[in-house]
């Protein structure tokens, strides 16, 4: 039974296949993992770290473009309800994101546009690919 669960566990939460790190104004953003078809990035903010969830991006390392998703922050938040991500992270600090890569494959930068709660995305974060050490 345990042997049958190992392959299942490996497909549910796998680390990113690439060491992808981007420099942002608040520190390094990191490609953390793929969970199912969703990629999880961590992006530092002045008041903590936001986890960015991009459904449909998992395993896509060479055909990236513009992708929609959501973010969940590490603070208490002010949204009217809590949102829980695919990895179990939850908060009342969340919103919609649009992540646009400059080129289809790493190393490439990106622009993240995010909104708060149900508001459309309106604030931006720029990530520049960090390569070599």
N, C-alpha and C. Protein backbone atom coordinates (compact mmCIF):
# COMPACT_ATOMS: atom_id res chain seq x y z
N UNK A 1 0.83 -1.20 0.00
CA UNK A 1 0.00 0.00 0.00
C UNK A 1 0.87 1.26 0.00
N UNK A 2 1.89 1.29 0.87
CA UNK A 2 2.74 2.46 0.96
C UNK A 2 3.46 2.70 -0.37
N UNK A 3 3.90 1.65 -1.04
CA UNK A 3 4.58 1.79 -2.32
C UNK A 3 3.67 2.42 -3.36
N UNK A 4 2.39 2.17 -3.29
CA UNK A 4 1.44 2.75 -4.24
C UNK A 4 1.22 4.24 -3.98
N UNK A 5 1.40 4.69 -2.75
CA UNK A 5 1.18 6.09 -2.41
C UNK A 5 2.36 6.99 -2.79
N UNK A 6 3.55 6.44 -2.90
CA UNK A 6 4.73 7.26 -3.20
C UNK A 6 4.60 7.96 -4.55
N UNK A 7 4.26 7.27 -5.64
CA UNK A 7 4.11 7.99 -6.91
C UNK A 7 3.01 9.05 -6.87
N UNK A 8 1.93 8.78 -6.14
CA UNK A 8 0.86 9.76 -6.01
C UNK A 8 1.36 11.00 -5.29
N UNK A 9 2.08 10.83 -4.20
CA UNK A 9 2.62 11.97 -3.46
C UNK A 9 3.57 12.79 -4.32
N UNK A 10 4.35 12.14 -5.14
CA UNK A 10 5.29 12.87 -6.00
C UNK A 10 4.58 13.72 -7.04
N UNK A 11 3.41 13.33 -7.48
CA UNK A 11 2.69 14.12 -8.48
C UNK A 11 1.88 15.24 -7.86
N UNK A 12 1.55 15.15 -6.59
CA UNK A 12 0.73 16.17 -5.96
C UNK A 12 1.50 17.43 -5.61
N UNK A 13 2.69 17.30 -5.09
CA UNK A 13 3.49 18.46 -4.71
C UNK A 13 4.93 18.20 -5.09
N UNK A 14 5.32 18.74 -6.22
CA UNK A 14 6.69 18.54 -6.67
C UNK A 14 7.43 19.85 -6.68
N UNK A 15 8.70 19.84 -6.30
CA UNK A 15 9.47 21.08 -6.35
C UNK A 15 9.67 21.50 -7.80
N UNK A 16 9.93 22.76 -8.00
CA UNK A 16 10.19 23.27 -9.34
C UNK A 16 11.38 22.54 -9.93
N UNK A 17 11.31 22.26 -11.22
CA UNK A 17 12.40 21.58 -11.89
C UNK A 17 13.53 22.53 -12.23
N UNK A 18 13.31 23.80 -12.12
CA UNK A 18 14.34 24.78 -12.43
C UNK A 18 14.60 25.64 -11.19
N UNK A 19 15.84 26.03 -11.02
CA UNK A 19 16.18 26.96 -9.94
C UNK A 19 15.90 28.36 -10.45
N UNK A 20 14.68 28.80 -10.28
CA UNK A 20 14.28 30.09 -10.82
C UNK A 20 14.11 31.09 -9.69
N UNK A 21 14.88 32.17 -9.76
CA UNK A 21 14.85 33.23 -8.77
C UNK A 21 14.85 34.56 -9.52
N UNK A 22 14.06 35.50 -9.02
CA UNK A 22 13.98 36.82 -9.62
C UNK A 22 14.22 37.86 -8.54
N UNK A 23 14.90 38.93 -8.90
CA UNK A 23 15.14 40.04 -7.99
C UNK A 23 13.98 41.03 -8.14
N UNK A 24 13.39 41.40 -7.01
CA UNK A 24 12.31 42.39 -6.99
C UNK A 24 12.74 43.55 -6.09
N UNK A 25 12.00 44.64 -6.07
CA UNK A 25 12.36 45.76 -5.19
C UNK A 25 12.39 45.38 -3.70
N UNK A 26 11.73 44.28 -3.32
CA UNK A 26 11.65 43.91 -1.90
C UNK A 26 12.44 42.66 -1.55
N UNK A 27 13.21 42.12 -2.50
CA UNK A 27 13.98 40.91 -2.26
C UNK A 27 13.75 39.89 -3.36
N UNK A 28 14.20 38.67 -3.13
CA UNK A 28 14.14 37.64 -4.15
C UNK A 28 12.79 36.91 -4.17
N UNK A 29 12.21 36.82 -5.36
CA UNK A 29 11.03 36.00 -5.61
C UNK A 29 11.53 34.63 -6.05
N UNK A 30 10.86 33.57 -5.61
CA UNK A 30 11.35 32.21 -5.87
C UNK A 30 10.22 31.33 -6.40
N UNK A 31 10.54 30.53 -7.41
CA UNK A 31 9.63 29.48 -7.92
C UNK A 31 9.72 28.36 -6.89
N UNK A 32 8.68 28.19 -6.07
CA UNK A 32 8.74 27.26 -4.95
C UNK A 32 8.38 25.83 -5.32
N UNK A 33 7.25 25.65 -6.02
CA UNK A 33 6.77 24.29 -6.26
C UNK A 33 5.65 24.29 -7.28
N UNK A 34 5.38 23.10 -7.78
CA UNK A 34 4.18 22.83 -8.56
C UNK A 34 3.31 21.90 -7.72
N UNK A 35 2.04 22.25 -7.59
CA UNK A 35 1.07 21.40 -6.90
C UNK A 35 -0.05 21.15 -7.90
N UNK A 36 -0.17 19.91 -8.34
CA UNK A 36 -1.11 19.63 -9.43
C UNK A 36 -0.69 20.41 -10.65
N UNK A 37 -1.61 21.19 -11.22
CA UNK A 37 -1.27 22.00 -12.40
C UNK A 37 -0.91 23.43 -12.03
N UNK A 38 -0.79 23.72 -10.73
CA UNK A 38 -0.58 25.08 -10.25
C UNK A 38 0.87 25.31 -9.81
N UNK A 39 1.45 26.40 -10.30
CA UNK A 39 2.78 26.82 -9.87
C UNK A 39 2.63 27.77 -8.68
N UNK A 40 3.52 27.63 -7.69
CA UNK A 40 3.52 28.51 -6.53
C UNK A 40 4.84 29.27 -6.51
N UNK A 41 4.75 30.60 -6.50
CA UNK A 41 5.91 31.48 -6.35
C UNK A 41 5.78 32.19 -5.02
N UNK A 42 6.91 32.53 -4.40
CA UNK A 42 6.87 33.41 -3.24
C UNK A 42 7.50 34.73 -3.65
N UNK A 43 6.82 35.82 -3.29
CA UNK A 43 7.26 37.16 -3.67
C UNK A 43 7.27 38.02 -2.40
N UNK A 44 8.45 38.55 -2.02
CA UNK A 44 8.52 39.37 -0.81
C UNK A 44 7.78 40.69 -0.98
N UNK A 45 7.22 41.16 0.13
CA UNK A 45 6.51 42.43 0.21
C UNK A 45 7.04 43.20 1.41
N UNK A 46 6.78 44.50 1.50
CA UNK A 46 7.25 45.25 2.67
C UNK A 46 6.72 44.70 3.99
N UNK A 47 5.53 44.07 3.97
CA UNK A 47 4.91 43.59 5.20
C UNK A 47 4.86 42.06 5.29
N UNK A 48 5.72 41.37 4.55
CA UNK A 48 5.72 39.91 4.60
C UNK A 48 5.97 39.30 3.24
N UNK A 49 5.46 38.11 3.04
CA UNK A 49 5.65 37.39 1.78
C UNK A 49 4.29 37.02 1.21
N UNK A 50 4.11 37.25 -0.08
CA UNK A 50 2.89 36.78 -0.74
C UNK A 50 3.20 35.51 -1.50
N UNK A 51 2.27 34.58 -1.46
CA UNK A 51 2.37 33.36 -2.25
C UNK A 51 1.50 33.56 -3.47
N UNK A 52 2.09 33.37 -4.65
CA UNK A 52 1.39 33.58 -5.91
C UNK A 52 1.08 32.22 -6.52
N UNK A 53 -0.17 31.99 -6.86
CA UNK A 53 -0.64 30.71 -7.40
C UNK A 53 -1.08 30.93 -8.84
N UNK A 54 -0.45 30.19 -9.76
CA UNK A 54 -0.77 30.31 -11.18
C UNK A 54 -1.25 28.96 -11.72
N UNK A 55 -2.56 28.73 -11.76
CA UNK A 55 -3.08 27.48 -12.32
C UNK A 55 -2.71 27.35 -13.80
N UNK A 56 -2.34 26.14 -14.20
CA UNK A 56 -2.00 25.87 -15.58
C UNK A 56 -0.55 26.11 -15.95
N UNK A 57 0.26 26.67 -15.05
CA UNK A 57 1.66 26.97 -15.36
C UNK A 57 2.61 25.84 -14.96
N UNK A 58 2.18 24.94 -14.11
CA UNK A 58 3.06 23.87 -13.61
C UNK A 58 3.68 23.09 -14.77
N UNK A 59 4.99 22.91 -14.69
CA UNK A 59 5.71 22.13 -15.69
C UNK A 59 5.97 22.88 -16.99
N UNK A 60 5.49 24.10 -17.11
CA UNK A 60 5.71 24.89 -18.32
C UNK A 60 6.96 25.74 -18.12
N UNK A 61 8.07 25.28 -18.66
CA UNK A 61 9.33 25.99 -18.48
C UNK A 61 9.81 26.66 -19.76
N UNK A 62 9.10 26.48 -20.88
CA UNK A 62 9.62 27.05 -22.13
C UNK A 62 8.54 27.63 -23.05
N UNK A 63 7.32 27.80 -22.56
CA UNK A 63 6.26 28.37 -23.39
C UNK A 63 5.38 29.27 -22.52
N UNK A 64 6.01 30.21 -21.84
CA UNK A 64 5.29 31.08 -20.92
C UNK A 64 4.85 32.36 -21.62
N UNK A 65 3.79 32.93 -21.12
CA UNK A 65 3.27 34.18 -21.66
C UNK A 65 2.63 34.97 -20.54
N UNK A 66 1.34 35.24 -20.67
CA UNK A 66 0.58 35.95 -19.65
C UNK A 66 -0.38 34.97 -19.00
N UNK A 67 -0.36 34.93 -17.67
CA UNK A 67 -1.12 33.94 -16.91
C UNK A 67 -1.88 34.61 -15.78
N UNK A 68 -3.09 34.16 -15.54
CA UNK A 68 -3.92 34.68 -14.44
C UNK A 68 -3.84 33.74 -13.25
N UNK A 69 -4.00 34.31 -12.07
CA UNK A 69 -3.99 33.50 -10.86
C UNK A 69 -4.43 34.33 -9.67
N UNK A 70 -3.92 33.97 -8.51
CA UNK A 70 -4.28 34.68 -7.29
C UNK A 70 -3.09 34.68 -6.34
N UNK A 71 -3.13 35.57 -5.36
CA UNK A 71 -2.08 35.63 -4.35
C UNK A 71 -2.72 35.55 -2.97
N UNK A 72 -1.94 35.05 -2.02
CA UNK A 72 -2.34 35.01 -0.62
C UNK A 72 -1.18 35.55 0.20
N UNK A 73 -1.46 36.53 1.05
CA UNK A 73 -0.42 37.16 1.86
C UNK A 73 -0.23 36.48 3.19
N UNK A 74 0.79 36.94 3.90
CA UNK A 74 1.11 36.35 5.20
C UNK A 74 0.52 37.13 6.36
N UNK A 75 -0.14 38.24 6.08
CA UNK A 75 -0.71 39.05 7.14
C UNK A 75 -2.14 38.69 7.46
N UNK A 76 -2.71 39.40 8.43
CA UNK A 76 -4.09 39.16 8.85
C UNK A 76 -5.07 39.52 7.74
N UNK A 77 -4.84 40.61 7.06
CA UNK A 77 -5.67 41.00 5.92
C UNK A 77 -6.96 41.68 6.30
N UNK A 78 -7.64 42.17 5.26
CA UNK A 78 -8.88 42.90 5.46
C UNK A 78 -9.97 42.48 4.47
N UNK A 79 -9.75 41.41 3.72
CA UNK A 79 -10.78 40.93 2.79
C UNK A 79 -11.96 40.37 3.59
N UNK A 80 -13.16 40.37 3.00
CA UNK A 80 -14.34 39.95 3.75
C UNK A 80 -14.41 38.45 4.05
N UNK A 81 -13.55 37.67 3.40
CA UNK A 81 -13.54 36.22 3.64
C UNK A 81 -12.11 35.73 3.49
N UNK A 82 -11.84 34.57 4.03
CA UNK A 82 -10.53 33.95 3.92
C UNK A 82 -10.44 33.18 2.61
N UNK A 83 -9.25 33.13 2.03
CA UNK A 83 -8.98 32.33 0.83
C UNK A 83 -7.88 31.34 1.19
N UNK A 84 -8.05 30.09 0.79
CA UNK A 84 -7.06 29.05 1.04
C UNK A 84 -6.52 28.55 -0.29
N UNK A 85 -5.18 28.53 -0.40
CA UNK A 85 -4.53 28.08 -1.62
C UNK A 85 -4.47 26.57 -1.71
N UNK A 86 -4.04 26.09 -2.86
CA UNK A 86 -3.97 24.65 -3.13
C UNK A 86 -3.02 23.93 -2.18
N UNK A 87 -2.09 24.69 -1.57
CA UNK A 87 -1.13 24.10 -0.63
C UNK A 87 -1.58 24.22 0.83
N UNK A 88 -2.79 24.74 1.07
CA UNK A 88 -3.31 24.86 2.42
C UNK A 88 -3.05 26.19 3.09
N UNK A 89 -2.29 27.08 2.46
CA UNK A 89 -2.05 28.42 3.00
C UNK A 89 -3.33 29.23 2.91
N UNK A 90 -3.72 29.87 4.01
CA UNK A 90 -4.95 30.66 4.01
C UNK A 90 -4.78 31.98 4.72
N UNK A 91 -5.57 32.97 4.30
CA UNK A 91 -5.53 34.29 4.91
C UNK A 91 -6.70 35.12 4.41
N UNK A 92 -6.95 36.23 5.10
CA UNK A 92 -7.90 37.22 4.61
C UNK A 92 -7.17 38.31 3.85
N UNK A 93 -5.90 38.07 3.53
CA UNK A 93 -5.09 38.98 2.71
C UNK A 93 -4.82 38.27 1.39
N UNK A 94 -5.54 38.66 0.32
CA UNK A 94 -5.44 37.96 -0.95
C UNK A 94 -5.96 38.83 -2.09
N UNK A 95 -5.78 38.34 -3.31
CA UNK A 95 -6.30 39.06 -4.47
C UNK A 95 -5.96 38.33 -5.76
N UNK A 96 -6.39 38.92 -6.86
CA UNK A 96 -6.14 38.39 -8.20
C UNK A 96 -4.79 38.87 -8.70
N UNK A 97 -4.13 38.06 -9.55
CA UNK A 97 -2.87 38.48 -10.18
C UNK A 97 -2.90 38.17 -11.67
N UNK A 98 -2.12 38.95 -12.40
CA UNK A 98 -1.80 38.66 -13.79
C UNK A 98 -0.28 38.68 -13.87
N UNK A 99 0.31 37.56 -14.29
CA UNK A 99 1.76 37.42 -14.38
C UNK A 99 2.14 37.35 -15.85
N UNK A 100 2.94 38.31 -16.31
CA UNK A 100 3.36 38.37 -17.71
C UNK A 100 4.87 38.21 -17.81
N UNK A 101 5.30 37.11 -18.43
CA UNK A 101 6.72 36.87 -18.65
C UNK A 101 7.20 37.66 -19.87
N UNK A 102 8.46 38.13 -19.83
CA UNK A 102 9.03 38.86 -20.96
C UNK A 102 9.32 37.96 -22.15
N UNK A 103 9.75 36.74 -21.88
CA UNK A 103 10.08 35.75 -22.91
C UNK A 103 9.54 34.40 -22.47
N UNK A 104 9.45 33.44 -23.41
CA UNK A 104 8.83 32.16 -23.08
C UNK A 104 9.61 31.26 -22.12
N UNK A 105 10.92 31.47 -21.96
CA UNK A 105 11.70 30.55 -21.12
C UNK A 105 12.65 31.31 -20.21
N UNK A 106 12.98 30.70 -19.08
CA UNK A 106 13.95 31.27 -18.15
C UNK A 106 15.33 31.18 -18.76
N UNK A 107 16.22 32.15 -18.62
CA UNK A 107 16.05 33.32 -17.76
C UNK A 107 15.23 34.42 -18.45
N UNK A 108 14.23 34.86 -17.78
CA UNK A 108 13.41 35.97 -18.26
C UNK A 108 12.81 36.69 -17.06
N UNK A 109 12.57 37.96 -17.24
CA UNK A 109 11.90 38.73 -16.21
C UNK A 109 10.40 38.62 -16.36
N UNK A 110 9.68 39.25 -15.45
CA UNK A 110 8.23 39.28 -15.51
C UNK A 110 7.69 40.53 -14.83
N UNK A 111 6.44 40.81 -15.13
CA UNK A 111 5.70 41.85 -14.44
C UNK A 111 4.47 41.20 -13.83
N UNK A 112 4.28 41.43 -12.55
CA UNK A 112 3.12 40.92 -11.83
C UNK A 112 2.21 42.10 -11.52
N UNK A 113 0.96 42.01 -11.89
CA UNK A 113 -0.04 43.03 -11.56
C UNK A 113 -1.02 42.36 -10.60
N UNK A 114 -1.25 42.99 -9.46
CA UNK A 114 -2.07 42.38 -8.41
C UNK A 114 -3.15 43.34 -7.93
N UNK A 115 -4.23 42.75 -7.44
CA UNK A 115 -5.30 43.51 -6.82
C UNK A 115 -5.54 43.01 -5.41
N UNK A 116 -6.30 43.76 -4.66
CA UNK A 116 -6.63 43.38 -3.28
C UNK A 116 -8.07 42.88 -3.22
N UNK A 117 -8.26 41.76 -2.55
CA UNK A 117 -9.58 41.16 -2.38
C UNK A 117 -10.24 40.98 -3.75
N UNK A 118 -11.42 41.55 -3.95
CA UNK A 118 -12.14 41.39 -5.21
C UNK A 118 -11.82 42.49 -6.22
N UNK A 119 -10.96 43.44 -5.87
CA UNK A 119 -10.62 44.54 -6.78
C UNK A 119 -9.79 44.02 -7.95
N UNK A 120 -9.96 44.59 -9.13
CA UNK A 120 -9.13 44.17 -10.26
C UNK A 120 -7.66 44.53 -9.99
N UNK A 121 -6.74 43.81 -10.61
CA UNK A 121 -5.32 44.10 -10.42
C UNK A 121 -4.99 45.55 -10.80
N UNK A 122 -4.20 46.21 -9.92
CA UNK A 122 -3.85 47.61 -10.17
C UNK A 122 -2.45 47.99 -9.72
N UNK A 123 -1.79 47.19 -8.88
CA UNK A 123 -0.43 47.52 -8.46
C UNK A 123 0.54 46.50 -9.03
N UNK A 124 1.77 46.95 -9.33
CA UNK A 124 2.72 46.09 -10.05
C UNK A 124 3.98 45.82 -9.26
N UNK A 125 4.57 44.68 -9.57
CA UNK A 125 5.88 44.28 -9.06
C UNK A 125 6.67 43.79 -10.26
N UNK A 126 7.90 44.22 -10.35
CA UNK A 126 8.77 43.79 -11.44
C UNK A 126 9.78 42.80 -10.90
N UNK A 127 9.96 41.68 -11.61
CA UNK A 127 10.95 40.67 -11.26
C UNK A 127 11.95 40.51 -12.39
N UNK A 128 13.23 40.64 -12.08
CA UNK A 128 14.31 40.44 -13.06
C UNK A 128 15.00 39.12 -12.75
N UNK A 129 15.17 38.29 -13.78
CA UNK A 129 15.79 36.98 -13.60
C UNK A 129 17.17 37.13 -12.98
N UNK A 130 17.41 36.31 -11.97
CA UNK A 130 18.74 36.26 -11.34
C UNK A 130 19.41 34.99 -11.82
N UNK A 131 20.53 35.13 -12.47
CA UNK A 131 21.23 33.97 -13.01
C UNK A 131 22.62 33.87 -12.41
N UNK A 132 23.11 32.66 -12.35
CA UNK A 132 24.47 32.42 -11.85
C UNK A 132 24.67 32.83 -10.41
N UNK A 133 24.75 31.87 -9.51
CA UNK A 133 25.09 32.11 -8.12
C UNK A 133 24.33 33.15 -7.50
